[in-house]
């Protein structure tokens, strides 16, 4: 295997920009990637829940991954949400060929697997990943998959070849992450938080090395993580409290994707806030209230000189 991607800090899950007509907007996507790099992201993720991955075609996924790898000098995480081992292997192979370094893998979910089957599934994918020089991240997201993984099972997965990290987004995340810190002691597995960084400080205190939120507030989260690492806990918590209203806005079921995009449009990073069904577009009143939050934060857009070519 190549040198580990060693994900840490802030690894945003990219939104997928669409034009007003609903087509993939690759120019906005490239601007978004440039913004994330300038904001201090440590890596970038595609095909996560925040990416509206559930409405993307195979051709669009390829185009998105090609653009992100082309623009970003950072490790790229590609989400895999297949319903079985065979299609997951196909996705993993293709994404590795296109330059993704880490595969964020949901467990099979249409037919709920037994714990032993999960070990077999991740073991086979991990071995395949090693052969391709990439890594597997376990996505512990029962809200999306309906599959529950205990800390003991995740510790068993940590011993598998090629399985190097877990993204914990199984509420309540704080006690589970703290329990995992003990269960994973002595293993190479890295802990990452999700759920739009809503418990960022506490997850860092419990052993998380990174957070994987939406992509519209990376420049606000990076200084918080840096302050926490430097032992400046008061500054870290104050920064987190300041941004928490926007984090909460991006957690609303059905509307989260529209909120992420409304913020990105407000900041001049993408051109349009269009989402694809079944995601819901923000109402005019929602936009008015959201913009009050944004005004209070005094958000900036792209740095001077940035922009897609």
C-alpha atoms as a PDB file:
ATOM      1  CA  UNK A   1       0.000   0.000   0.000  1.00  0.00           C
ATOM      2  CA  UNK A   2       1.141   3.560  -0.674  1.00  0.00           C
ATOM      3  CA  UNK A   3       1.807   5.862   2.254  1.00  0.00           C
ATOM      4  CA  UNK A   4      -1.351   6.358   4.302  1.00  0.00           C
ATOM      5  CA  UNK A   5      -3.461   9.409   3.514  1.00  0.00           C
ATOM      6  CA  UNK A   6      -3.371  10.140   7.265  1.00  0.00           C
ATOM      7  CA  UNK A   7      -6.550  12.217   7.217  1.00  0.00           C
ATOM      8  CA  UNK A   8      -6.815  14.796   9.977  1.00  0.00           C
ATOM      9  CA  UNK A   9      -8.241  18.255  10.614  1.00  0.00           C
ATOM     10  CA  UNK A  10     -11.217  19.209   8.438  1.00  0.00           C
ATOM     11  CA  UNK A  11     -12.173  16.970   5.509  1.00  0.00           C
ATOM     12  CA  UNK A  12     -15.329  18.525   4.006  1.00  0.00           C
ATOM     13  CA  UNK A  13     -17.861  16.496   2.064  1.00  0.00           C
ATOM     14  CA  UNK A  14     -18.367  18.415  -1.167  1.00  0.00           C
ATOM     15  CA  UNK A  15     -21.786  19.497  -2.348  1.00  0.00           C
ATOM     16  CA  UNK A  16     -22.591  18.698  -5.970  1.00  0.00           C
ATOM     17  CA  UNK A  17     -23.409  21.955  -7.796  1.00  0.00           C
ATOM     18  CA  UNK A  18     -26.177  21.851 -10.389  1.00  0.00           C
ATOM     19  CA  UNK A  19     -27.285  24.459 -12.897  1.00  0.00           C
ATOM     20  CA  UNK A  20     -30.763  25.977 -12.758  1.00  0.00           C
ATOM     21  CA  UNK A  21     -31.843  23.272 -15.179  1.00  0.00           C
ATOM     22  CA  UNK A  22     -30.466  20.511 -12.960  1.00  0.00           C
ATOM     23  CA  UNK A  23     -27.321  19.612 -14.917  1.00  0.00           C
ATOM     24  CA  UNK A  24     -23.938  19.102 -13.279  1.00  0.00           C
ATOM     25  CA  UNK A  25     -22.173  22.480 -12.981  1.00  0.00           C
ATOM     26  CA  UNK A  26     -18.500  21.575 -13.301  1.00  0.00           C
ATOM     27  CA  UNK A  27     -17.263  25.178 -13.285  1.00  0.00           C
ATOM     28  CA  UNK A  28     -18.900  25.749  -9.881  1.00  0.00           C
ATOM     29  CA  UNK A  29     -17.498  22.444  -8.665  1.00  0.00           C
ATOM     30  CA  UNK A  30     -13.962  23.504  -9.518  1.00  0.00           C
ATOM     31  CA  UNK A  31     -14.458  26.852  -7.758  1.00  0.00           C
ATOM     32  CA  UNK A  32     -15.738  24.966  -4.732  1.00  0.00           C
ATOM     33  CA  UNK A  33     -12.632  22.767  -4.666  1.00  0.00           C
ATOM     34  CA  UNK A  34     -10.387  25.830  -4.911  1.00  0.00           C
ATOM     35  CA  UNK A  35     -12.238  27.416  -2.003  1.00  0.00           C
ATOM     36  CA  UNK A  36     -11.766  24.315   0.156  1.00  0.00           C
ATOM     37  CA  UNK A  37      -8.045  24.169  -0.578  1.00  0.00           C
ATOM     38  CA  UNK A  38      -7.623  27.878   0.238  1.00  0.00           C
ATOM     39  CA  UNK A  39      -9.677  27.413   3.426  1.00  0.00           C
ATOM     40  CA  UNK A  40      -7.206  24.869   4.792  1.00  0.00           C
ATOM     41  CA  UNK A  41      -8.995  21.556   4.235  1.00  0.00           C
ATOM     42  CA  UNK A  42      -6.795  18.504   4.876  1.00  0.00           C
ATOM     43  CA  UNK A  43      -8.663  16.359   2.359  1.00  0.00           C
ATOM     44  CA  UNK A  44     -11.856  16.387   0.313  1.00  0.00           C
ATOM     45  CA  UNK A  45     -14.703  13.899   0.173  1.00  0.00           C
ATOM     46  CA  UNK A  46     -17.062  13.185  -2.701  1.00  0.00           C
ATOM     47  CA  UNK A  47     -20.156  10.967  -2.901  1.00  0.00           C
ATOM     48  CA  UNK A  48     -21.093  11.384   0.753  1.00  0.00           C
ATOM     49  CA  UNK A  49     -24.609  12.137   1.925  1.00  0.00           C
ATOM     50  CA  UNK A  50     -23.941  15.894   1.662  1.00  0.00           C
ATOM     51  CA  UNK A  51     -23.027  15.352  -2.010  1.00  0.00           C
ATOM     52  CA  UNK A  52     -26.564  14.237  -2.983  1.00  0.00           C
ATOM     53  CA  UNK A  53     -24.848  11.015  -4.011  1.00  0.00           C
ATOM     54  CA  UNK A  54     -28.249   9.288  -4.182  1.00  0.00           C
ATOM     55  CA  UNK A  55     -29.197  11.263  -7.335  1.00  0.00           C
ATOM     56  CA  UNK A  56     -25.910  11.048  -9.275  1.00  0.00           C
ATOM     57  CA  UNK A  57     -25.408   8.925 -12.361  1.00  0.00           C
ATOM     58  CA  UNK A  58     -22.295   6.801 -12.831  1.00  0.00           C
ATOM     59  CA  UNK A  59     -21.115   9.192 -15.557  1.00  0.00           C
ATOM     60  CA  UNK A  60     -21.552  12.203 -13.250  1.00  0.00           C
ATOM     61  CA  UNK A  61     -19.595  10.497 -10.495  1.00  0.00           C
ATOM     62  CA  UNK A  62     -16.684   9.930 -12.851  1.00  0.00           C
ATOM     63  CA  UNK A  63     -16.727  13.554 -14.029  1.00  0.00           C
ATOM     64  CA  UNK A  64     -16.906  14.846 -10.440  1.00  0.00           C
ATOM     65  CA  UNK A  65     -14.030  12.710  -9.218  1.00  0.00           C
ATOM     66  CA  UNK A  66     -11.891  13.632 -12.232  1.00  0.00           C
ATOM     67  CA  UNK A  67     -12.422  17.352 -11.607  1.00  0.00           C
ATOM     68  CA  UNK A  68     -11.754  17.137  -7.866  1.00  0.00           C
ATOM     69  CA  UNK A  69      -8.565  15.099  -8.267  1.00  0.00           C
ATOM     70  CA  UNK A  70      -7.423  17.428 -11.051  1.00  0.00           C
ATOM     71  CA  UNK A  71      -7.861  20.606  -8.978  1.00  0.00           C
ATOM     72  CA  UNK A  72      -7.061  19.540  -5.410  1.00  0.00           C
ATOM     73  CA  UNK A  73      -3.516  18.793  -4.179  1.00  0.00           C
ATOM     74  CA  UNK A  74      -5.127  16.882  -1.293  1.00  0.00           C
ATOM     75  CA  UNK A  75      -6.158  13.301  -0.525  1.00  0.00           C
ATOM     76  CA  UNK A  76      -9.607  12.597  -1.947  1.00  0.00           C
ATOM     77  CA  UNK A  77     -12.139  10.373  -0.184  1.00  0.00           C
ATOM     78  CA  UNK A  78     -14.744   8.681  -2.395  1.00  0.00           C
ATOM     79  CA  UNK A  79     -17.975   7.344  -0.917  1.00  0.00           C
ATOM     80  CA  UNK A  80     -19.132   3.827  -1.770  1.00  0.00           C
ATOM     81  CA  UNK A  81     -22.730   2.940  -0.996  1.00  0.00           C
ATOM     82  CA  UNK A  82     -23.224  -0.269  -2.945  1.00  0.00           C
ATOM     83  CA  UNK A  83     -25.703  -2.932  -1.843  1.00  0.00           C
ATOM     84  CA  UNK A  84     -23.265  -5.837  -1.967  1.00  0.00           C
ATOM     85  CA  UNK A  85     -19.637  -6.844  -2.344  1.00  0.00           C
ATOM     86  CA  UNK A  86     -19.522  -7.205  -6.134  1.00  0.00           C
ATOM     87  CA  UNK A  87     -20.754  -3.675  -6.984  1.00  0.00           C
ATOM     88  CA  UNK A  88     -18.670  -2.241  -4.129  1.00  0.00           C
ATOM     89  CA  UNK A  89     -15.540  -3.817  -5.616  1.00  0.00           C
ATOM     90  CA  UNK A  90     -16.366  -2.315  -9.012  1.00  0.00           C
ATOM     91  CA  UNK A  91     -16.816   1.165  -7.519  1.00  0.00           C
ATOM     92  CA  UNK A  92     -13.645   0.865  -5.450  1.00  0.00           C
ATOM     93  CA  UNK A  93     -11.600  -0.183  -8.467  1.00  0.00           C
ATOM     94  CA  UNK A  94     -12.891   2.642 -10.645  1.00  0.00           C
ATOM     95  CA  UNK A  95     -12.455   5.347  -8.011  1.00  0.00           C
ATOM     96  CA  UNK A  96      -8.925   4.151  -7.255  1.00  0.00           C
ATOM     97  CA  UNK A  97      -8.089   4.324 -10.963  1.00  0.00           C
ATOM     98  CA  UNK A  98      -9.353   7.925 -11.031  1.00  0.00           C
ATOM     99  CA  UNK A  99      -7.140   8.965  -8.132  1.00  0.00           C
ATOM    100  CA  UNK A 100      -9.171   8.656  -4.918  1.00  0.00           C
ATOM    101  CA  UNK A 101      -6.961   7.701  -1.967  1.00  0.00           C
ATOM    102  CA  UNK A 102      -9.551   6.608   0.596  1.00  0.00           C
ATOM    103  CA  UNK A 103     -12.853   4.787   0.076  1.00  0.00           C
ATOM    104  CA  UNK A 104     -15.578   5.698   2.583  1.00  0.00           C
ATOM    105  CA  UNK A 105     -17.694   2.554   2.594  1.00  0.00           C
ATOM    106  CA  UNK A 106     -21.209   2.130   3.907  1.00  0.00           C
ATOM    107  CA  UNK A 107     -22.127  -1.434   4.897  1.00  0.00           C
ATOM    108  CA  UNK A 108     -24.596  -3.230   2.614  1.00  0.00           C
ATOM    109  CA  UNK A 109     -28.031  -2.027   3.646  1.00  0.00           C
ATOM    110  CA  UNK A 110     -30.905  -3.421   1.567  1.00  0.00           C
ATOM    111  CA  UNK A 111     -30.464  -6.825   3.184  1.00  0.00           C
ATOM    112  CA  UNK A 112     -29.158  -6.195   6.694  1.00  0.00           C
ATOM    113  CA  UNK A 113     -25.922  -8.163   7.195  1.00  0.00           C
ATOM    114  CA  UNK A 114     -25.000 -10.113  10.289  1.00  0.00           C
ATOM    115  CA  UNK A 115     -21.839  -9.045  12.142  1.00  0.00           C
ATOM    116  CA  UNK A 116     -19.848 -11.907  10.640  1.00  0.00           C
ATOM    117  CA  UNK A 117     -20.950 -10.882   7.164  1.00  0.00           C
ATOM    118  CA  UNK A 118     -19.749  -7.337   7.807  1.00  0.00           C
ATOM    119  CA  UNK A 119     -16.312  -8.672   8.736  1.00  0.00           C
ATOM    120  CA  UNK A 120     -16.274 -10.670   5.506  1.00  0.00           C
ATOM    121  CA  UNK A 121     -17.477  -7.682   3.447  1.00  0.00           C
ATOM    122  CA  UNK A 122     -14.937  -5.198   4.800  1.00  0.00           C
ATOM    123  CA  UNK A 123     -12.228  -7.837   4.822  1.00  0.00           C
ATOM    124  CA  UNK A 124     -12.683  -8.544   1.127  1.00  0.00           C
ATOM    125  CA  UNK A 125     -12.820  -4.838   0.242  1.00  0.00           C
ATOM    126  CA  UNK A 126      -9.825  -4.041   2.418  1.00  0.00           C
ATOM    127  CA  UNK A 127      -7.730  -6.748   0.783  1.00  0.00           C
ATOM    128  CA  UNK A 128      -8.797  -5.488  -2.648  1.00  0.00           C
ATOM    129  CA  UNK A 129      -7.921  -1.923  -1.618  1.00  0.00           C
ATOM    130  CA  UNK A 130      -4.431  -2.963  -0.519  1.00  0.00           C
ATOM    131  CA  UNK A 131      -3.824  -4.413  -3.959  1.00  0.00           C
ATOM    132  CA  UNK A 132      -4.784  -1.079  -5.521  1.00  0.00           C
ATOM    133  CA  UNK A 133      -2.744   1.048  -3.103  1.00  0.00           C
ATOM    134  CA  UNK A 134      -5.749   2.701  -1.421  1.00  0.00           C
ATOM    135  CA  UNK A 135      -7.468   2.579   1.971  1.00  0.00           C
ATOM    136  CA  UNK A 136     -10.927   1.769   3.321  1.00  0.00           C
ATOM    137  CA  UNK A 137     -12.807   3.986   5.775  1.00  0.00           C
ATOM    138  CA  UNK A 138     -15.754   2.353   7.535  1.00  0.00           C
ATOM    139  CA  UNK A 139     -18.788   4.652   7.496  1.00  0.00           C
ATOM    140  CA  UNK A 140     -20.707   4.015  10.698  1.00  0.00           C
ATOM    141  CA  UNK A 141     -23.934   5.761   9.742  1.00  0.00           C
ATOM    142  CA  UNK A 142     -26.992   3.798  10.885  1.00  0.00           C
ATOM    143  CA  UNK A 143     -29.256   6.736  10.058  1.00  0.00           C
ATOM    144  CA  UNK A 144     -28.454   6.255   6.376  1.00  0.00           C
ATOM    145  CA  UNK A 145     -27.867   2.500   6.261  1.00  0.00           C
ATOM    146  CA  UNK A 146     -29.997   1.086   9.060  1.00  0.00           C
ATOM    147  CA  UNK A 147     -26.997  -1.057  10.015  1.00  0.00           C
ATOM    148  CA  UNK A 148     -25.705  -0.829  13.588  1.00  0.00           C
ATOM    149  CA  UNK A 149     -22.043  -1.536  14.306  1.00  0.00           C
ATOM    150  CA  UNK A 150     -20.911  -1.940  17.903  1.00  0.00           C
ATOM    151  CA  UNK A 151     -17.537  -0.650  19.124  1.00  0.00           C
ATOM    152  CA  UNK A 152     -16.458  -4.282  19.493  1.00  0.00           C
ATOM    153  CA  UNK A 153     -17.312  -5.008  15.856  1.00  0.00           C
ATOM    154  CA  UNK A 154     -15.496  -1.862  14.668  1.00  0.00           C
ATOM    155  CA  UNK A 155     -12.444  -2.978  16.661  1.00  0.00           C
ATOM    156  CA  UNK A 156     -12.617  -6.292  14.810  1.00  0.00           C
ATOM    157  CA  UNK A 157     -12.762  -4.423  11.492  1.00  0.00           C
ATOM    158  CA  UNK A 158      -9.697  -2.412  12.540  1.00  0.00           C
ATOM    159  CA  UNK A 159      -7.609  -5.581  12.372  1.00  0.00           C
ATOM    160  CA  UNK A 160      -8.459  -6.181   8.712  1.00  0.00           C
ATOM    161  CA  UNK A 161      -5.931  -5.383   5.964  1.00  0.00           C
ATOM    162  CA  UNK A 162      -6.556  -2.015   4.302  1.00  0.00           C
ATOM    163  CA  UNK A 163      -9.158  -0.812   6.825  1.00  0.00           C
ATOM    164  CA  UNK A 164      -7.549   2.276   8.361  1.00  0.00           C
ATOM    165  CA  UNK A 165     -10.281   4.589   9.653  1.00  0.00           C
ATOM    166  CA  UNK A 166     -13.891   4.909  10.749  1.00  0.00           C
ATOM    167  CA  UNK A 167     -16.257   7.848  10.379  1.00  0.00           C
ATOM    168  CA  UNK A 168     -18.535   7.796  13.399  1.00  0.00           C
ATOM    169  CA  UNK A 169     -21.980   9.264  12.779  1.00  0.00           C
ATOM    170  CA  UNK A 170     -24.069   6.979  14.946  1.00  0.00           C
ATOM    171  CA  UNK A 171     -25.912   9.176  17.470  1.00  0.00           C
ATOM    172  CA  UNK A 172     -25.038   9.755  20.220  1.00  0.00           C
ATOM    173  CA  UNK A 173     -21.591  10.095  18.702  1.00  0.00           C
ATOM    174  CA  UNK A 174     -19.704  11.362  21.759  1.00  0.00           C
ATOM    175  CA  UNK A 175     -20.122   8.317  24.030  1.00  0.00           C
ATOM    176  CA  UNK A 176     -19.545   5.942  21.138  1.00  0.00           C
ATOM    177  CA  UNK A 177     -16.382   7.731  20.078  1.00  0.00           C
ATOM    178  CA  UNK A 178     -15.082   7.774  23.632  1.00  0.00           C
ATOM    179  CA  UNK A 179     -15.758   4.028  23.918  1.00  0.00           C
ATOM    180  CA  UNK A 180     -14.033   3.437  20.598  1.00  0.00           C
ATOM    181  CA  UNK A 181     -10.932   5.242  21.835  1.00  0.00           C
ATOM    182  CA  UNK A 182     -10.472   2.410  24.298  1.00  0.00           C
ATOM    183  CA  UNK A 183     -11.605  -0.385  22.001  1.00  0.00           C
ATOM    184  CA  UNK A 184      -9.190   0.720  19.268  1.00  0.00           C
ATOM    185  CA  UNK A 185      -6.176   1.277  21.507  1.00  0.00           C
ATOM    186  CA  UNK A 186      -3.124  -0.274  19.880  1.00  0.00           C
ATOM    187  CA  UNK A 187      -4.682  -0.380  16.403  1.00  0.00           C
ATOM    188  CA  UNK A 188      -3.929   1.851  13.422  1.00  0.00           C
ATOM    189  CA  UNK A 189      -7.577   2.868  12.971  1.00  0.00           C
ATOM    190  CA  UNK A 190      -8.211   6.640  12.955  1.00  0.00           C
ATOM    191  CA  UNK A 191     -11.440   8.149  14.292  1.00  0.00           C
ATOM    192  CA  UNK A 192     -13.299  10.810  12.308  1.00  0.00           C
ATOM    193  CA  UNK A 193     -16.523  12.601  13.162  1.00  0.00           C
ATOM    194  CA  UNK A 194     -19.461  13.393  10.896  1.00  0.00           C
ATOM    195  CA  UNK A 195     -23.011  14.721  11.220  1.00  0.00           C
ATOM    196  CA  UNK A 196     -21.910  18.186  10.090  1.00  0.00           C
ATOM    197  CA  UNK A 197     -19.477  18.630  13.015  1.00  0.00           C
ATOM    198  CA  UNK A 198     -22.300  19.283  15.499  1.00  0.00           C
ATOM    199  CA  UNK A 199     -20.221  17.809  18.364  1.00  0.00           C
ATOM    200  CA  UNK A 200     -16.816  18.801  17.000  1.00  0.00           C
ATOM    201  CA  UNK A 201     -15.097  19.870  20.228  1.00  0.00           C
ATOM    202  CA  UNK A 202     -16.343  16.916  22.249  1.00  0.00           C
ATOM    203  CA  UNK A 203     -15.410  14.456  19.509  1.00  0.00           C
ATOM    204  CA  UNK A 204     -11.894  15.892  19.407  1.00  0.00           C
ATOM    205  CA  UNK A 205     -11.743  15.505  23.183  1.00  0.00           C
ATOM    206  CA  UNK A 206     -12.774  11.857  22.765  1.00  0.00           C
ATOM    207  CA  UNK A 207     -10.009  11.057  20.293  1.00  0.00           C
ATOM    208  CA  UNK A 208     -11.241  12.103  16.855  1.00  0.00           C
ATOM    209  CA  UNK A 209      -8.436  13.200  14.530  1.00  0.00           C
ATOM    210  CA  UNK A 210     -10.722  14.841  11.977  1.00  0.00           C
ATOM    211  CA  UNK A 211     -14.234  15.970  11.177  1.00  0.00           C
ATOM    212  CA  UNK A 212     -16.105  15.509   7.893  1.00  0.00           C
ATOM    213  CA  UNK A 213     -18.817  18.207   7.739  1.00  0.00           C
ATOM    214  CA  UNK A 214     -20.564  19.934   4.861  1.00  0.00           C
ATOM    215  CA  UNK A 215     -18.335  22.128   2.741  1.00  0.00           C
ATOM    216  CA  UNK A 216     -19.662  25.648   3.256  1.00  0.00           C
ATOM    217  CA  UNK A 217     -17.891  26.513   6.527  1.00  0.00           C
ATOM    218  CA  UNK A 218     -14.435  24.941   6.222  1.00  0.00           C
ATOM    219  CA  UNK A 219     -12.647  28.256   6.769  1.00  0.00           C
ATOM    220  CA  UNK A 220     -14.542  28.670  10.062  1.00  0.00           C
ATOM    221  CA  UNK A 221     -13.854  25.141  11.310  1.00  0.00           C
ATOM    222  CA  UNK A 222     -10.141  24.925  10.505  1.00  0.00           C
ATOM    223  CA  UNK A 223      -9.127  27.600  13.080  1.00  0.00           C
ATOM    224  CA  UNK A 224     -11.265  25.854  15.700  1.00  0.00           C
ATOM    225  CA  UNK A 225      -9.459  22.546  15.176  1.00  0.00           C
ATOM    226  CA  UNK A 226      -6.097  24.324  15.158  1.00  0.00           C
ATOM    227  CA  UNK A 227      -6.891  26.098  18.426  1.00  0.00           C
ATOM    228  CA  UNK A 228      -7.971  22.830  20.022  1.00  0.00           C
ATOM    229  CA  UNK A 229      -4.742  21.131  18.964  1.00  0.00           C
ATOM    230  CA  UNK A 230      -2.726  24.008  20.425  1.00  0.00           C
ATOM    231  CA  UNK A 231      -4.462  23.571  23.770  1.00  0.00           C
ATOM    232  CA  UNK A 232      -6.384  26.834  23.376  1.00  0.00           C
ATOM    233  CA  UNK A 233      -9.622  25.249  24.530  1.00  0.00           C
ATOM    234  CA  UNK A 234     -11.443  28.461  25.418  1.00  0.00           C
ATOM    235  CA  UNK A 235     -10.766  29.960  21.977  1.00  0.00           C
ATOM    236  CA  UNK A 236     -11.807  26.698  20.317  1.00  0.00           C
ATOM    237  CA  UNK A 237     -15.111  26.582  22.165  1.00  0.00           C
ATOM    238  CA  UNK A 238     -15.852  30.243  21.511  1.00  0.00           C
ATOM    239  CA  UNK A 239     -15.221  29.732  17.815  1.00  0.00           C
ATOM    240  CA  UNK A 240     -17.453  26.675  17.813  1.00  0.00           C
ATOM    241  CA  UNK A 241     -20.260  28.472  19.636  1.00  0.00           C
ATOM    242  CA  UNK A 242     -20.115  31.235  17.033  1.00  0.00           C
ATOM    243  CA  UNK A 243     -20.569  28.865  14.103  1.00  0.00           C
ATOM    244  CA  UNK A 244     -22.999  26.446  15.791  1.00  0.00           C
ATOM    245  CA  UNK A 245     -26.192  28.160  14.509  1.00  0.00           C
ATOM    246  CA  UNK A 246     -25.027  27.576  10.923  1.00  0.00           C
ATOM    247  CA  UNK A 247     -24.050  23.978  11.696  1.00  0.00           C
ATOM    248  CA  UNK A 248     -27.543  23.326  13.065  1.00  0.00           C
ATOM    249  CA  UNK A 249     -29.135  24.900   9.990  1.00  0.00           C
ATOM    250  CA  UNK A 250     -27.292  22.350   7.851  1.00  0.00           C
ATOM    251  CA  UNK A 251     -28.766  19.402   9.746  1.00  0.00           C
ATOM    252  CA  UNK A 252     -32.421  19.804   8.775  1.00  0.00           C
ATOM    253  CA  UNK A 253     -33.827  16.599   7.230  1.00  0.00           C
ATOM    254  CA  UNK A 254     -34.910  17.060   3.645  1.00  0.00           C
ATOM    255  CA  UNK A 255     -33.482  20.583   3.421  1.00  0.00           C
ATOM    256  CA  UNK A 256     -29.841  20.097   4.464  1.00  0.00           C
ATOM    257  CA  UNK A 257     -28.605  19.963   0.853  1.00  0.00           C
ATOM    258  CA  UNK A 258     -30.399  23.183  -0.029  1.00  0.00           C
ATOM    259  CA  UNK A 259     -28.969  24.909   3.054  1.00  0.00           C
ATOM    260  CA  UNK A 260     -25.401  23.935   2.159  1.00  0.00           C
ATOM    261  CA  UNK A 261     -25.904  25.306  -1.341  1.00  0.00           C
ATOM    262  CA  UNK A 262     -27.668  28.499  -0.275  1.00  0.00           C
ATOM    263  CA  UNK A 263     -24.634  29.332   1.850  1.00  0.00           C
ATOM    264  CA  UNK A 264     -22.260  28.570  -1.013  1.00  0.00           C
ATOM    265  CA  UNK A 265     -24.269  30.806  -3.349  1.00  0.00           C
ATOM    266  CA  UNK A 266     -24.307  33.563  -0.710  1.00  0.00           C
ATOM    267  CA  UNK A 267     -20.519  33.333  -0.577  1.00  0.00           C
ATOM    268  CA  UNK A 268     -20.157  33.498  -4.362  1.00  0.00           C
ATOM    269  CA  UNK A 269     -18.625  30.028  -4.615  1.00  0.00           C
ATOM    270  CA  UNK A 270     -21.260  28.217  -6.674  1.00  0.00           C
ATOM    271  CA  UNK A 271     -23.729  29.720  -9.124  1.00  0.00           C
ATOM    272  CA  UNK A 272     -27.023  28.129  -8.110  1.00  0.00           C
ATOM    273  CA  UNK A 273     -28.654  26.393  -5.144  1.00  0.00           C
ATOM    274  CA  UNK A 274     -30.611  23.873  -7.221  1.00  0.00           C
ATOM    275  CA  UNK A 275     -31.051  20.436  -5.658  1.00  0.00           C
ATOM    276  CA  UNK A 276     -32.467  17.281  -7.176  1.00  0.00           C
ATOM    277  CA  UNK A 277     -35.526  15.514  -5.771  1.00  0.00           C
ATOM    278  CA  UNK A 278     -36.135  14.071  -3.275  1.00  0.00           C
ATOM    279  CA  UNK A 279     -34.030  16.832  -1.663  1.00  0.00           C
ATOM    280  CA  UNK A 280     -36.121  19.965  -1.131  1.00  0.00           C
ATOM    281  CA  UNK A 281     -35.283  23.501  -2.151  1.00  0.00           C
ATOM    282  CA  UNK A 282     -35.346  26.126   0.596  1.00  0.00           C
ATOM    283  CA  UNK A 283     -38.449  28.290   0.785  1.00  0.00           C
ATOM    284  CA  UNK A 284     -38.169  32.053   0.478  1.00  0.00           C
ATOM    285  CA  UNK A 285     -38.813  32.447   4.221  1.00  0.00           C
ATOM    286  CA  UNK A 286     -36.113  29.898   5.045  1.00  0.00           C
ATOM    287  CA  UNK A 287     -33.651  31.840   2.904  1.00  0.00           C
ATOM    288  CA  UNK A 288     -34.516  35.080   4.702  1.00  0.00           C
ATOM    289  CA  UNK A 289     -33.910  33.492   8.111  1.00  0.00           C
ATOM    290  CA  UNK A 290     -30.733  31.725   6.972  1.00  0.00           C
ATOM    291  CA  UNK A 291     -29.304  34.962   5.631  1.00  0.00           C
ATOM    292  CA  UNK A 292     -29.748  36.531   9.072  1.00  0.00           C
ATOM    293  CA  UNK A 293     -27.412  33.852  10.436  1.00  0.00           C
ATOM    294  CA  UNK A 294     -24.961  34.427   7.583  1.00  0.00           C
ATOM    295  CA  UNK A 295     -24.960  38.189   8.091  1.00  0.00           C
ATOM    296  CA  UNK A 296     -24.076  37.737  11.752  1.00  0.00           C
ATOM    297  CA  UNK A 297     -21.113  35.536  10.766  1.00  0.00           C
ATOM    298  CA  UNK A 298     -19.808  38.052   8.196  1.00  0.00           C
ATOM    299  CA  UNK A 299     -18.837  35.241   5.838  1.00  0.00           C
ATOM    300  CA  UNK A 300     -16.375  35.835   3.038  1.00  0.00           C
ATOM    301  CA  UNK A 301     -16.279  34.073  -0.310  1.00  0.00           C
ATOM    302  CA  UNK A 302     -13.405  33.018  -2.520  1.00  0.00           C
ATOM    303  CA  UNK A 303     -10.003  34.546  -1.801  1.00  0.00           C
ATOM    304  CA  UNK A 304      -8.833  37.210  -4.239  1.00  0.00           C
ATOM    305  CA  UNK A 305      -7.498  35.600  -7.393  1.00  0.00           C
ATOM    306  CA  UNK A 306      -9.312  32.297  -6.912  1.00  0.00           C
ATOM    307  CA  UNK A 307     -11.705  30.922  -9.471  1.00  0.00           C
ATOM    308  CA  UNK A 308     -12.074  28.023 -11.842  1.00  0.00           C
ATOM    309  CA  UNK A 309     -10.259  28.071 -15.104  1.00  0.00           C
END
